[in-house]
Amino acid sequence: MDLYQKAYDWAKTYKFEPIEIEYATKLALKMLDDSCKMTHEDRKMFFYVYDAICDRTDIKLEDDINKLVLLARDRETIFSKPQYANIVHACRVEVIPSMLKVHMKAFKHMVRKNLDLL
């Protein structure tokens, strides 16, 4: 099984805390805006995690940021569709200041630990 499928399968069943879901969303927004300092492979892996969260019936992602991420991205890419790039960027600029690095690092660490990547 490849890493991306492993990430997706894990996220389909993991019991996420609300703050972890919030940071999965904020990370997706940041990756869509191409303002994330991660490798292409890491971005893709974290999008597989986000996609699994989106595909779950027990988690509702009905806030404006998730709606934008779902609208602006097609699942074949880790970047926003060109027609949404300016909106994604403006949203990221507004949202990122409220993002605490400690929570984002904790979220990334938790995912990597659960996927045996540490």
C-alpha atoms as a PDB file:
ATOM      1  CA  MET A   1       0.000   0.000   0.000  1.00  0.00           C
ATOM      2  CA  ASP A   2       1.391   3.397  -0.866  1.00  0.00           C
ATOM      3  CA  LEU A   3       1.778   6.198   1.665  1.00  0.00           C
ATOM      4  CA  TYR A   4      -1.076   8.257   0.244  1.00  0.00           C
ATOM      5  CA  GLN A   5      -3.574   5.418   0.460  1.00  0.00           C
ATOM      6  CA  LYS A   6      -2.291   4.616   3.948  1.00  0.00           C
ATOM      7  CA  ALA A   7      -2.858   8.257   4.973  1.00  0.00           C
ATOM      8  CA  TYR A   8      -6.365   8.226   3.507  1.00  0.00           C
ATOM      9  CA  ASP A   9      -7.325   4.924   5.136  1.00  0.00           C
ATOM     10  CA  TRP A  10      -5.973   6.014   8.510  1.00  0.00           C
ATOM     11  CA  ALA A  11      -7.838   9.351   8.410  1.00  0.00           C
ATOM     12  CA  LYS A  12     -11.107   7.615   7.458  1.00  0.00           C
ATOM     13  CA  THR A  13     -11.207   5.945  10.880  1.00  0.00           C
ATOM     14  CA  TYR A  14      -9.107   8.101  13.220  1.00  0.00           C
ATOM     15  CA  LYS A  15     -11.022   9.872  15.998  1.00  0.00           C
ATOM     16  CA  PHE A  16      -9.997  13.476  15.319  1.00  0.00           C
ATOM     17  CA  GLU A  17     -10.335  16.147  17.964  1.00  0.00           C
ATOM     18  CA  PRO A  18     -12.123  19.317  16.770  1.00  0.00           C
ATOM     19  CA  ILE A  19      -8.868  21.307  16.838  1.00  0.00           C
ATOM     20  CA  GLU A  20      -7.205  18.683  14.638  1.00  0.00           C
ATOM     21  CA  ILE A  21      -9.982  19.026  12.080  1.00  0.00           C
ATOM     22  CA  GLU A  22      -9.622  22.806  12.248  1.00  0.00           C
ATOM     23  CA  TYR A  23      -5.906  22.561  11.566  1.00  0.00           C
ATOM     24  CA  ALA A  24      -6.353  20.009   8.785  1.00  0.00           C
ATOM     25  CA  THR A  25      -8.574  22.611   7.132  1.00  0.00           C
ATOM     26  CA  LYS A  26      -6.175  25.493   7.716  1.00  0.00           C
ATOM     27  CA  LEU A  27      -3.297  23.416   6.390  1.00  0.00           C
ATOM     28  CA  ALA A  28      -5.331  22.559   3.277  1.00  0.00           C
ATOM     29  CA  LEU A  29      -5.984  26.259   2.713  1.00  0.00           C
ATOM     30  CA  LYS A  30      -2.309  27.068   3.161  1.00  0.00           C
ATOM     31  CA  MET A  31      -1.285  24.303   0.757  1.00  0.00           C
ATOM     32  CA  LEU A  32      -3.837  25.456  -1.804  1.00  0.00           C
ATOM     33  CA  ASP A  33      -2.294  28.901  -1.696  1.00  0.00           C
ATOM     34  CA  ASP A  34       1.152  27.359  -2.198  1.00  0.00           C
ATOM     35  CA  SER A  35       2.420  29.108   0.929  1.00  0.00           C
ATOM     36  CA  CYS A  36       3.397  25.957   2.773  1.00  0.00           C
ATOM     37  CA  LYS A  37       7.027  24.972   3.240  1.00  0.00           C
ATOM     38  CA  MET A  38       6.601  21.250   2.688  1.00  0.00           C
ATOM     39  CA  THR A  39       7.708  18.903  -0.030  1.00  0.00           C
ATOM     40  CA  HIS A  40       5.291  18.028  -2.793  1.00  0.00           C
ATOM     41  CA  GLU A  41       5.002  14.511  -1.335  1.00  0.00           C
ATOM     42  CA  ASP A  42       4.162  15.810   2.147  1.00  0.00           C
ATOM     43  CA  ARG A  43       1.543  18.160   0.728  1.00  0.00           C
ATOM     44  CA  LYS A  44      -0.024  15.336  -1.216  1.00  0.00           C
ATOM     45  CA  MET A  45      -0.052  13.109   1.873  1.00  0.00           C
ATOM     46  CA  PHE A  46      -1.735  15.795   3.981  1.00  0.00           C
ATOM     47  CA  PHE A  47      -4.308  16.356   1.237  1.00  0.00           C
ATOM     48  CA  TYR A  48      -5.120  12.647   1.321  1.00  0.00           C
ATOM     49  CA  VAL A  49      -5.739  13.053   5.053  1.00  0.00           C
ATOM     50  CA  TYR A  50      -7.943  16.097   4.376  1.00  0.00           C
ATOM     51  CA  ASP A  51      -9.821  14.273   1.608  1.00  0.00           C
ATOM     52  CA  ALA A  52     -10.548  11.360   3.934  1.00  0.00           C
ATOM     53  CA  ILE A  53     -11.902  13.782   6.538  1.00  0.00           C
ATOM     54  CA  CYS A  54     -14.108  15.334   3.842  1.00  0.00           C
ATOM     55  CA  ASP A  55     -15.375  11.922   2.767  1.00  0.00           C
ATOM     56  CA  ARG A  56     -16.472  10.912   6.243  1.00  0.00           C
ATOM     57  CA  THR A  57     -20.169  11.036   7.029  1.00  0.00           C
ATOM     58  CA  ASP A  58     -19.573  11.566  10.748  1.00  0.00           C
ATOM     59  CA  ILE A  59     -17.652  14.830  10.262  1.00  0.00           C
ATOM     60  CA  LYS A  60     -19.432  17.895   8.924  1.00  0.00           C
ATOM     61  CA  LEU A  61     -17.245  20.493   7.216  1.00  0.00           C
ATOM     62  CA  GLU A  62     -19.810  23.154   6.534  1.00  0.00           C
ATOM     63  CA  ASP A  63     -17.860  26.297   7.416  1.00  0.00           C
ATOM     64  CA  ASP A  64     -16.822  28.822   4.761  1.00  0.00           C
ATOM     65  CA  ILE A  65     -13.155  27.792   4.677  1.00  0.00           C
ATOM     66  CA  ASN A  66     -13.944  24.148   3.960  1.00  0.00           C
ATOM     67  CA  LYS A  67     -16.493  25.138   1.346  1.00  0.00           C
ATOM     68  CA  LEU A  68     -13.831  27.266  -0.356  1.00  0.00           C
ATOM     69  CA  VAL A  69     -11.219  24.504  -0.216  1.00  0.00           C
ATOM     70  CA  LEU A  70     -13.665  22.003  -1.717  1.00  0.00           C
ATOM     71  CA  LEU A  71     -14.696  24.447  -4.439  1.00  0.00           C
ATOM     72  CA  ALA A  72     -11.209  25.689  -5.286  1.00  0.00           C
ATOM     73  CA  ARG A  73      -9.483  22.332  -5.546  1.00  0.00           C
ATOM     74  CA  ASP A  74      -9.959  19.354  -7.707  1.00  0.00           C
ATOM     75  CA  ARG A  75      -8.587  16.197  -6.129  1.00  0.00           C
ATOM     76  CA  GLU A  76      -6.030  15.668  -8.863  1.00  0.00           C
ATOM     77  CA  THR A  77      -3.924  18.621  -7.738  1.00  0.00           C
ATOM     78  CA  ILE A  78      -2.557  20.142  -4.558  1.00  0.00           C
ATOM     79  CA  PHE A  79      -3.053  23.680  -5.845  1.00  0.00           C
ATOM     80  CA  SER A  80      -6.164  25.791  -6.316  1.00  0.00           C
ATOM     81  CA  LYS A  81      -7.922  26.081  -9.625  1.00  0.00           C
ATOM     82  CA  PRO A  82      -6.624  29.267 -11.288  1.00  0.00           C
ATOM     83  CA  GLN A  83      -9.999  31.005 -11.149  1.00  0.00           C
ATOM     84  CA  TYR A  84     -10.034  30.686  -7.343  1.00  0.00           C
ATOM     85  CA  ALA A  85      -6.391  31.524  -6.624  1.00  0.00           C
ATOM     86  CA  ASN A  86      -7.068  35.137  -5.581  1.00  0.00           C
ATOM     87  CA  ILE A  87      -9.943  34.152  -3.284  1.00  0.00           C
ATOM     88  CA  VAL A  88      -7.887  31.365  -1.712  1.00  0.00           C
ATOM     89  CA  HIS A  89      -4.989  33.748  -1.156  1.00  0.00           C
ATOM     90  CA  ALA A  90      -7.203  36.415   0.437  1.00  0.00           C
ATOM     91  CA  CYS A  91      -8.795  33.841   2.727  1.00  0.00           C
ATOM     92  CA  ARG A  92      -5.410  32.418   3.710  1.00  0.00           C
ATOM     93  CA  VAL A  93      -4.079  35.895   4.523  1.00  0.00           C
ATOM     94  CA  GLU A  94      -7.112  36.459   6.754  1.00  0.00           C
ATOM     95  CA  VAL A  95      -7.068  33.051   8.460  1.00  0.00           C
ATOM     96  CA  ILE A  96      -3.375  32.336   8.979  1.00  0.00           C
ATOM     97  CA  PRO A  97      -2.765  35.044  11.621  1.00  0.00           C
ATOM     98  CA  SER A  98      -5.215  33.197  13.899  1.00  0.00           C
ATOM     99  CA  MET A  99      -3.267  29.988  13.409  1.00  0.00           C
ATOM    100  CA  LEU A 100      -1.016  29.045  16.289  1.00  0.00           C
ATOM    101  CA  LYS A 101       2.192  27.392  15.111  1.00  0.00           C
ATOM    102  CA  VAL A 102       2.199  25.108  18.123  1.00  0.00           C
ATOM    103  CA  HIS A 103      -1.182  23.644  17.084  1.00  0.00           C
ATOM    104  CA  MET A 104      -0.160  23.271  13.440  1.00  0.00           C
ATOM    105  CA  LYS A 105       3.089  21.543  14.410  1.00  0.00           C
ATOM    106  CA  ALA A 106       1.192  19.292  16.816  1.00  0.00           C
ATOM    107  CA  PHE A 107      -1.272  18.337  14.066  1.00  0.00           C
ATOM    108  CA  LYS A 108       1.502  17.521  11.575  1.00  0.00           C
ATOM    109  CA  HIS A 109       3.401  15.555  14.227  1.00  0.00           C
ATOM    110  CA  MET A 110       0.291  13.592  15.198  1.00  0.00           C
ATOM    111  CA  VAL A 111      -0.365  12.618  11.571  1.00  0.00           C
ATOM    112  CA  ARG A 112       3.234  11.609  10.919  1.00  0.00           C
ATOM    113  CA  LYS A 113       3.381   9.625  14.172  1.00  0.00           C
ATOM    114  CA  ASN A 114       0.184   7.738  13.343  1.00  0.00           C
ATOM    115  CA  LEU A 115       1.523   6.928   9.873  1.00  0.00           C
ATOM    116  CA  ASP A 116       4.841   5.705  11.357  1.00  0.00           C
ATOM    117  CA  LEU A 117       6.815   8.458   9.629  1.00  0.00           C
ATOM    118  CA  LEU A 118       8.782   9.600  12.670  1.00  0.00           C
END
